[in-house]
Amino acid sequence: MMDKHFKNLDEQIEILKYKGLVINNEVYAKDILLRENYFFLNGYRYPFFKSSEEKKFIEGTTFEELYSLFLFDRRIRNVIFKNLLVIENNLKSILSYQLSKKYGYREKDYLKAKNFTSDKMKQRQVADLLHKMKRQIRINGSQHTATKHYITNYGYIPLWILVKVLSFGIVGELFLILKEDDQKSICELYGINSEIMANYLPILANYRNLCAHEDILYDNRTQKTVDDTVYHQLLGIPKEDNEYIYGKNDLFALFLILKQMLSQEEYKSLTLEIDEYVNDLNYNLSTITIDKILKRMGFPPNWKNLANIERSRLDEE
């Protein structure tokens, strides 16, 4: 495999120009490439190529147009990240409340193996996760302000404090090893069943990490797919080979999850913000249409209608 050699800013500009990108202001372009990283910015070139085979920019595509897609992705990523943090905080709060109420607030009480599933197939998983959580107590006991306060003043760390230092991924794993009735008590607050929640949590954790590390978001595809929802049907999303063509493993699938886990007002606010950025990008596009970007996002033409549908329970059959 050939090495990728370092390219200075002049060489980066020449590569883009060779591929057909119009650069009207090289000083401006070099400043952007230096601050934003050529590799990351170049990751947004695909919608502007003539075809997947002919990897040349559509005639007339400008650097500013390419950069506008980069900025659009950053803006929607920040909005989505903000809402994912809301869900993360809510879930941690609900989970810690339910378990503390039932099993106690000292770690020697709530971290007992008997408090979790008795499924023999998951006993290794239970042991591993309890080990991870106890390790977090050891690590954060003297480092994190809240945990240090409880250790110093009370000699223990309650679950509602411990969850603050647990990753979203660990919280998702914790949900999976809960007893069925504990899972149900948590899921009832969201109006979904435990199987669906188990499907959603790793997808949410994946997007949370993607946003935190500023990876490309708008056309991301997840390995796990979202189960069919009533919203697919209510929006009239078409099918191909008996599968919905939008909202399965694309960005719109995440929006279907957010619809069910945010409040009605929170989701409407999210929609307004995303719509504003879609309109801004549409204004800055000239060689391609906004529909091409929305399709890569997995957004159906009527995606905004999702905000106006009242919260519905999924079919739990």
Protein backbone atom coordinates (compact mmCIF):
# COMPACT_ATOMS: atom_id res chain seq x y z
CA MET A 1 0.00 0.00 0.00
CA MET A 2 1.37 3.42 -0.98
CA ASP A 3 2.05 5.99 1.72
CA LYS A 4 0.02 9.20 1.89
CA HIS A 5 2.62 11.97 1.80
CA PHE A 6 2.19 15.38 3.41
CA LYS A 7 0.76 18.04 1.10
CA ASN A 8 1.27 21.72 1.83
CA LEU A 9 -1.52 24.25 1.32
CA ASP A 10 -0.45 25.12 -2.23
CA GLU A 11 -0.44 21.44 -3.16
CA GLN A 12 -3.86 20.93 -1.55
CA ILE A 13 -5.24 23.82 -3.61
CA GLU A 14 -3.78 22.37 -6.80
CA ILE A 15 -5.34 18.96 -6.13
CA LEU A 16 -8.79 20.54 -5.67
CA LYS A 17 -8.38 22.64 -8.81
CA TYR A 18 -7.21 19.58 -10.78
CA LYS A 19 -10.43 17.83 -9.78
CA GLY A 20 -12.43 20.76 -11.16
CA LEU A 21 -13.20 22.80 -8.04
CA VAL A 22 -13.42 26.54 -8.72
CA ILE A 23 -11.32 28.52 -6.23
CA ASN A 24 -11.94 32.24 -6.60
CA ASN A 25 -9.92 33.34 -3.58
CA GLU A 26 -6.90 31.20 -2.83
CA VAL A 27 -5.92 33.16 0.27
CA TYR A 28 -9.37 32.52 1.75
CA ALA A 29 -9.29 28.84 0.72
CA LYS A 30 -5.85 28.31 2.27
CA ASP A 31 -7.00 29.87 5.53
CA ILE A 32 -10.01 27.52 5.66
CA LEU A 33 -7.90 24.48 4.79
CA LEU A 34 -5.39 25.35 7.51
CA ARG A 35 -8.06 25.86 10.19
CA GLU A 36 -10.48 23.11 9.22
CA ASN A 37 -8.16 20.39 7.87
CA TYR A 38 -8.05 19.39 4.19
CA PHE A 39 -8.93 15.77 5.00
CA PHE A 40 -12.15 16.68 6.83
CA LEU A 41 -13.28 19.27 4.32
CA ASN A 42 -12.51 16.91 1.44
CA GLY A 43 -14.92 14.40 3.01
CA TYR A 44 -17.83 16.54 1.77
CA ARG A 45 -16.87 16.37 -1.91
CA TYR A 46 -18.97 13.38 -2.97
CA PRO A 47 -22.33 15.11 -3.60
CA PHE A 48 -20.51 17.52 -5.91
CA PHE A 49 -18.84 14.86 -8.07
CA LYS A 50 -20.13 14.25 -11.57
CA SER A 51 -20.62 10.57 -10.71
CA SER A 52 -19.25 7.88 -8.43
CA GLU A 53 -17.09 6.71 -11.33
CA GLU A 54 -15.96 10.11 -12.62
CA LYS A 55 -14.53 11.69 -9.48
CA LYS A 56 -14.42 15.21 -10.83
CA PHE A 57 -16.43 18.15 -9.53
CA ILE A 58 -19.56 19.18 -11.40
CA GLU A 59 -18.67 22.11 -13.62
CA GLY A 60 -18.94 25.38 -11.71
CA THR A 61 -18.67 23.91 -8.20
CA THR A 62 -16.93 26.45 -6.00
CA PHE A 63 -14.85 26.11 -2.86
CA GLU A 64 -17.46 28.19 -1.06
CA GLU A 65 -20.18 25.72 -2.02
CA LEU A 66 -18.14 22.80 -0.69
CA TYR A 67 -17.41 24.70 2.52
CA SER A 68 -21.10 25.54 2.97
CA LEU A 69 -21.91 21.81 3.21
CA PHE A 70 -19.11 21.40 5.75
CA LEU A 71 -20.57 24.23 7.86
CA PHE A 72 -24.09 22.84 7.49
CA ASP A 73 -22.96 19.50 8.86
CA ARG A 74 -21.23 21.20 11.78
CA ARG A 75 -24.34 23.19 12.63
CA ILE A 76 -26.75 20.26 12.56
CA ARG A 77 -24.21 18.15 14.44
CA ASN A 78 -24.11 20.73 17.25
CA VAL A 79 -27.92 20.87 17.44
CA ILE A 80 -28.26 17.10 17.47
CA PHE A 81 -25.49 16.74 20.05
CA LYS A 82 -27.29 19.19 22.32
CA ASN A 83 -30.45 17.10 22.13
CA LEU A 84 -28.60 13.81 22.60
CA LEU A 85 -27.17 15.21 25.83
CA VAL A 86 -30.71 16.01 26.97
CA ILE A 87 -31.74 12.40 26.33
CA GLU A 88 -28.60 11.09 28.02
CA ASN A 89 -29.25 13.19 31.13
CA ASN A 90 -32.94 12.24 31.23
CA LEU A 91 -32.23 8.54 30.87
CA LYS A 92 -29.53 8.61 33.55
CA SER A 93 -31.86 10.47 35.91
CA ILE A 94 -34.80 8.10 35.34
CA LEU A 95 -32.66 4.97 35.58
CA SER A 96 -30.90 6.05 38.78
CA TYR A 97 -34.20 7.08 40.38
CA GLN A 98 -35.93 3.78 39.62
CA LEU A 99 -33.01 1.62 40.77
CA SER A 100 -32.22 3.68 43.88
CA LYS A 101 -35.86 3.56 44.94
CA LYS A 102 -35.90 -0.21 44.61
CA TYR A 103 -32.41 -1.32 45.61
CA GLY A 104 -30.96 1.45 47.77
CA TYR A 105 -28.62 4.37 47.30
CA ARG A 106 -25.29 2.95 48.52
CA GLU A 107 -23.12 1.18 45.94
CA LYS A 108 -22.83 -1.89 48.18
CA ASP A 109 -26.62 -2.21 47.82
CA TYR A 110 -27.41 -1.20 44.22
CA LEU A 111 -24.38 -2.97 42.70
CA LYS A 112 -25.35 -6.44 43.91
CA ALA A 113 -25.51 -9.02 41.12
CA LYS A 114 -28.88 -10.27 42.36
CA ASN A 115 -30.42 -6.91 41.43
CA PHE A 116 -29.92 -7.69 37.74
CA THR A 117 -31.13 -10.24 35.24
CA SER A 118 -30.95 -13.90 36.20
CA ASP A 119 -30.60 -14.92 32.56
CA LYS A 120 -27.72 -17.41 32.55
CA MET A 121 -26.65 -16.20 29.10
CA LYS A 122 -26.02 -12.71 30.51
CA GLN A 123 -24.19 -13.51 33.74
CA ARG A 124 -20.78 -12.75 32.20
CA GLN A 125 -22.19 -9.47 30.94
CA VAL A 126 -23.53 -8.63 34.41
CA ALA A 127 -20.18 -9.37 36.05
CA ASP A 128 -18.24 -7.35 33.48
CA LEU A 129 -20.50 -4.32 33.76
CA LEU A 130 -20.50 -4.31 37.56
CA HIS A 131 -16.70 -4.43 37.37
CA LYS A 132 -16.72 -1.40 35.03
CA MET A 133 -18.99 0.56 37.35
CA LYS A 134 -16.93 -0.25 40.45
CA ARG A 135 -13.83 0.79 38.52
CA GLN A 136 -15.45 4.14 37.75
CA ILE A 137 -16.07 4.60 41.47
CA ARG A 138 -12.39 3.93 42.20
CA ILE A 139 -11.20 6.25 39.43
CA ASN A 140 -13.62 9.12 40.02
CA GLY A 141 -13.95 8.83 43.77
CA SER A 142 -11.18 11.36 44.28
CA GLN A 143 -11.16 13.11 40.90
CA HIS A 144 -14.71 14.12 40.07
CA THR A 145 -16.11 16.93 42.23
CA ALA A 146 -19.46 15.31 42.99
CA THR A 147 -18.11 11.83 43.67
CA LYS A 148 -15.31 13.23 45.82
CA HIS A 149 -17.87 15.19 47.85
CA TYR A 150 -19.94 12.08 48.61
CA ILE A 151 -16.93 9.88 49.36
CA THR A 152 -15.44 12.50 51.69
CA ASN A 153 -18.64 13.45 53.51
CA TYR A 154 -20.74 10.28 53.41
CA GLY A 155 -18.40 7.42 52.54
CA TYR A 156 -20.40 6.23 49.51
CA ILE A 157 -21.49 7.33 46.02
CA PRO A 158 -25.24 7.16 45.26
CA LEU A 159 -26.28 5.96 41.83
CA TRP A 160 -27.67 9.36 40.84
CA ILE A 161 -24.12 10.72 41.23
CA LEU A 162 -22.35 7.73 39.72
CA VAL A 163 -24.33 7.94 36.46
CA LYS A 164 -22.85 11.40 35.86
CA VAL A 165 -19.43 9.84 35.26
CA LEU A 166 -20.69 6.83 33.28
CA SER A 167 -20.55 6.97 29.50
CA PHE A 168 -23.75 6.73 27.47
CA GLY A 169 -22.48 3.37 26.21
CA ILE A 170 -22.17 1.96 29.74
CA VAL A 171 -25.64 3.26 30.63
CA GLY A 172 -26.97 1.42 27.58
CA GLU A 173 -25.23 -1.77 28.71
CA LEU A 174 -26.67 -1.27 32.19
CA PHE A 175 -30.20 -1.13 30.77
CA LEU A 176 -29.64 -4.42 28.95
CA ILE A 177 -28.85 -6.32 32.15
CA LEU A 178 -31.73 -4.96 34.21
CA LYS A 179 -34.57 -7.21 35.28
CA GLU A 180 -37.54 -7.13 32.93
CA ASP A 181 -39.80 -5.27 35.36
CA ASP A 182 -37.11 -2.60 35.91
CA GLN A 183 -36.71 -2.17 32.16
CA LYS A 184 -40.47 -1.87 31.82
CA SER A 185 -40.77 0.80 34.54
CA ILE A 186 -38.21 2.92 32.69
CA CYS A 187 -39.64 2.36 29.20
CA GLU A 188 -43.20 3.18 30.25
CA LEU A 189 -42.13 6.79 30.75
CA TYR A 190 -41.17 6.94 27.06
CA GLY A 191 -44.14 4.98 25.77
CA ILE A 192 -41.97 2.32 24.14
CA ASN A 193 -41.18 -1.27 25.03
CA SER A 194 -37.90 -2.66 26.31
CA GLU A 195 -36.99 -4.41 23.05
CA ILE A 196 -37.25 -1.13 21.17
CA MET A 197 -35.27 0.71 23.84
CA ALA A 198 -32.56 -1.94 23.58
CA ASN A 199 -32.51 -1.30 19.83
CA TYR A 200 -32.28 2.49 20.25
CA LEU A 201 -29.61 2.86 22.94
CA PRO A 202 -26.55 1.68 20.95
CA ILE A 203 -27.66 3.87 18.02
CA LEU A 204 -27.93 6.89 20.31
CA ALA A 205 -24.52 6.12 21.84
CA ASN A 206 -23.02 5.80 18.36
CA TYR A 207 -24.34 9.19 17.28
CA ARG A 208 -23.34 10.77 20.59
CA ASN A 209 -19.73 9.69 20.00
CA LEU A 210 -19.85 10.71 16.36
CA CYS A 211 -21.01 14.21 17.31
CA ALA A 212 -18.49 14.53 20.14
CA HIS A 213 -15.62 13.73 17.75
CA GLU A 214 -16.93 15.96 14.91
CA ASP A 215 -17.21 13.14 12.40
CA ILE A 216 -19.27 13.57 9.22
CA LEU A 217 -22.89 13.32 10.28
CA TYR A 218 -25.33 14.20 7.52
CA ASP A 219 -24.92 11.03 5.43
CA ASN A 220 -23.84 8.66 8.20
CA ARG A 221 -25.17 5.12 8.07
CA THR A 222 -25.33 2.94 11.19
CA GLN A 223 -24.76 -0.80 11.32
CA LYS A 224 -27.91 -1.30 13.40
CA THR A 225 -31.24 -0.45 11.83
CA VAL A 226 -34.23 1.11 13.54
CA ASP A 227 -37.29 -1.10 13.82
CA ASP A 228 -40.35 0.01 11.82
CA THR A 229 -42.40 2.63 13.68
CA VAL A 230 -45.87 4.07 13.37
CA TYR A 231 -44.20 7.25 12.12
CA HIS A 232 -42.91 5.50 9.01
CA GLN A 233 -46.51 4.67 8.20
CA LEU A 234 -47.99 8.04 9.17
CA LEU A 235 -45.47 9.90 7.00
CA GLY A 236 -46.25 7.61 4.09
CA ILE A 237 -42.61 6.63 3.60
CA PRO A 238 -42.40 4.38 0.53
CA LYS A 239 -40.99 0.88 0.60
CA GLU A 240 -38.56 -0.97 -1.63
CA ASP A 241 -38.25 -4.75 -1.36
CA ASN A 242 -40.65 -4.49 1.60
CA GLU A 243 -38.28 -2.14 3.48
CA TYR A 244 -38.85 1.56 4.15
CA ILE A 245 -36.39 3.58 2.07
CA TYR A 246 -36.01 6.32 4.73
CA GLY A 247 -35.59 6.15 8.47
CA LYS A 248 -33.88 2.78 8.91
CA ASN A 249 -30.11 3.32 9.31
CA ASP A 250 -29.77 6.90 8.11
CA LEU A 251 -29.88 10.24 9.92
CA PHE A 252 -33.67 10.34 9.73
CA ALA A 253 -33.75 7.08 11.72
CA LEU A 254 -32.08 9.02 14.52
CA PHE A 255 -34.78 11.69 14.23
CA LEU A 256 -37.45 9.01 14.65
CA ILE A 257 -35.75 8.00 17.90
CA LEU A 258 -35.44 11.63 19.04
CA LYS A 259 -39.13 12.11 18.31
CA GLN A 260 -39.96 9.40 20.83
CA MET A 261 -37.46 10.34 23.53
CA LEU A 262 -37.65 14.14 23.54
CA SER A 263 -40.66 16.14 24.66
CA GLN A 264 -43.01 17.45 21.98
CA GLU A 265 -41.66 20.99 22.41
CA GLU A 266 -38.04 19.87 22.38
CA TYR A 267 -38.57 18.00 19.13
CA LYS A 268 -40.37 20.95 17.53
CA SER A 269 -37.49 23.21 18.51
CA LEU A 270 -35.02 20.73 16.99
CA THR A 271 -37.02 20.71 13.75
CA LEU A 272 -37.05 24.51 13.54
CA GLU A 273 -33.30 24.71 14.02
CA ILE A 274 -32.56 22.01 11.44
CA ASP A 275 -34.97 23.60 8.96
CA GLU A 276 -33.21 26.94 9.35
CA TYR A 277 -29.87 25.36 8.49
CA VAL A 278 -31.38 23.45 5.57
CA ASN A 279 -32.69 26.74 4.16
CA ASP A 280 -29.31 28.41 4.64
CA LEU A 281 -27.55 25.58 2.81
CA ASN A 282 -30.14 25.68 0.03
CA TYR A 283 -29.34 29.37 -0.47
CA ASN A 284 -25.62 28.59 -0.82
CA LEU A 285 -25.97 25.70 -3.26
CA SER A 286 -25.79 26.34 -6.99
CA THR A 287 -24.52 23.23 -8.78
CA ILE A 288 -26.65 20.73 -6.85
CA THR A 289 -30.08 20.96 -5.20
CA ILE A 290 -30.91 20.70 -1.53
CA ASP A 291 -32.97 17.60 -2.36
CA LYS A 292 -29.75 15.76 -3.16
CA ILE A 293 -28.43 16.50 0.34
CA LEU A 294 -31.73 15.63 2.05
CA LYS A 295 -31.78 12.31 0.21
CA ARG A 296 -28.26 11.51 1.45
CA MET A 297 -29.51 12.35 4.96
CA GLY A 298 -32.40 9.91 4.49
CA PHE A 299 -34.95 12.69 4.96
CA PRO A 300 -38.28 12.19 3.15
CA PRO A 301 -39.74 15.29 1.42
CA ASN A 302 -42.27 15.72 4.26
CA TRP A 303 -39.75 15.26 7.09
CA LYS A 304 -40.94 18.41 8.89
CA ASN A 305 -44.42 16.89 9.36
CA LEU A 306 -42.97 14.55 11.98
CA ALA A 307 -42.88 17.47 14.45
CA ASN A 308 -46.66 17.93 14.15
CA ILE A 309 -47.60 14.31 14.81
CA GLU A 310 -48.68 13.79 18.39
CA ARG A 311 -46.56 11.41 20.42
CA SER A 312 -47.66 7.88 19.60
CA ARG A 313 -46.96 4.56 21.26
CA LEU A 314 -45.30 2.00 19.04
CA ASP A 315 -47.04 -1.25 18.32
CA GLU A 316 -45.81 -3.57 21.07
CA GLU A 317 -47.06 -6.75 19.57
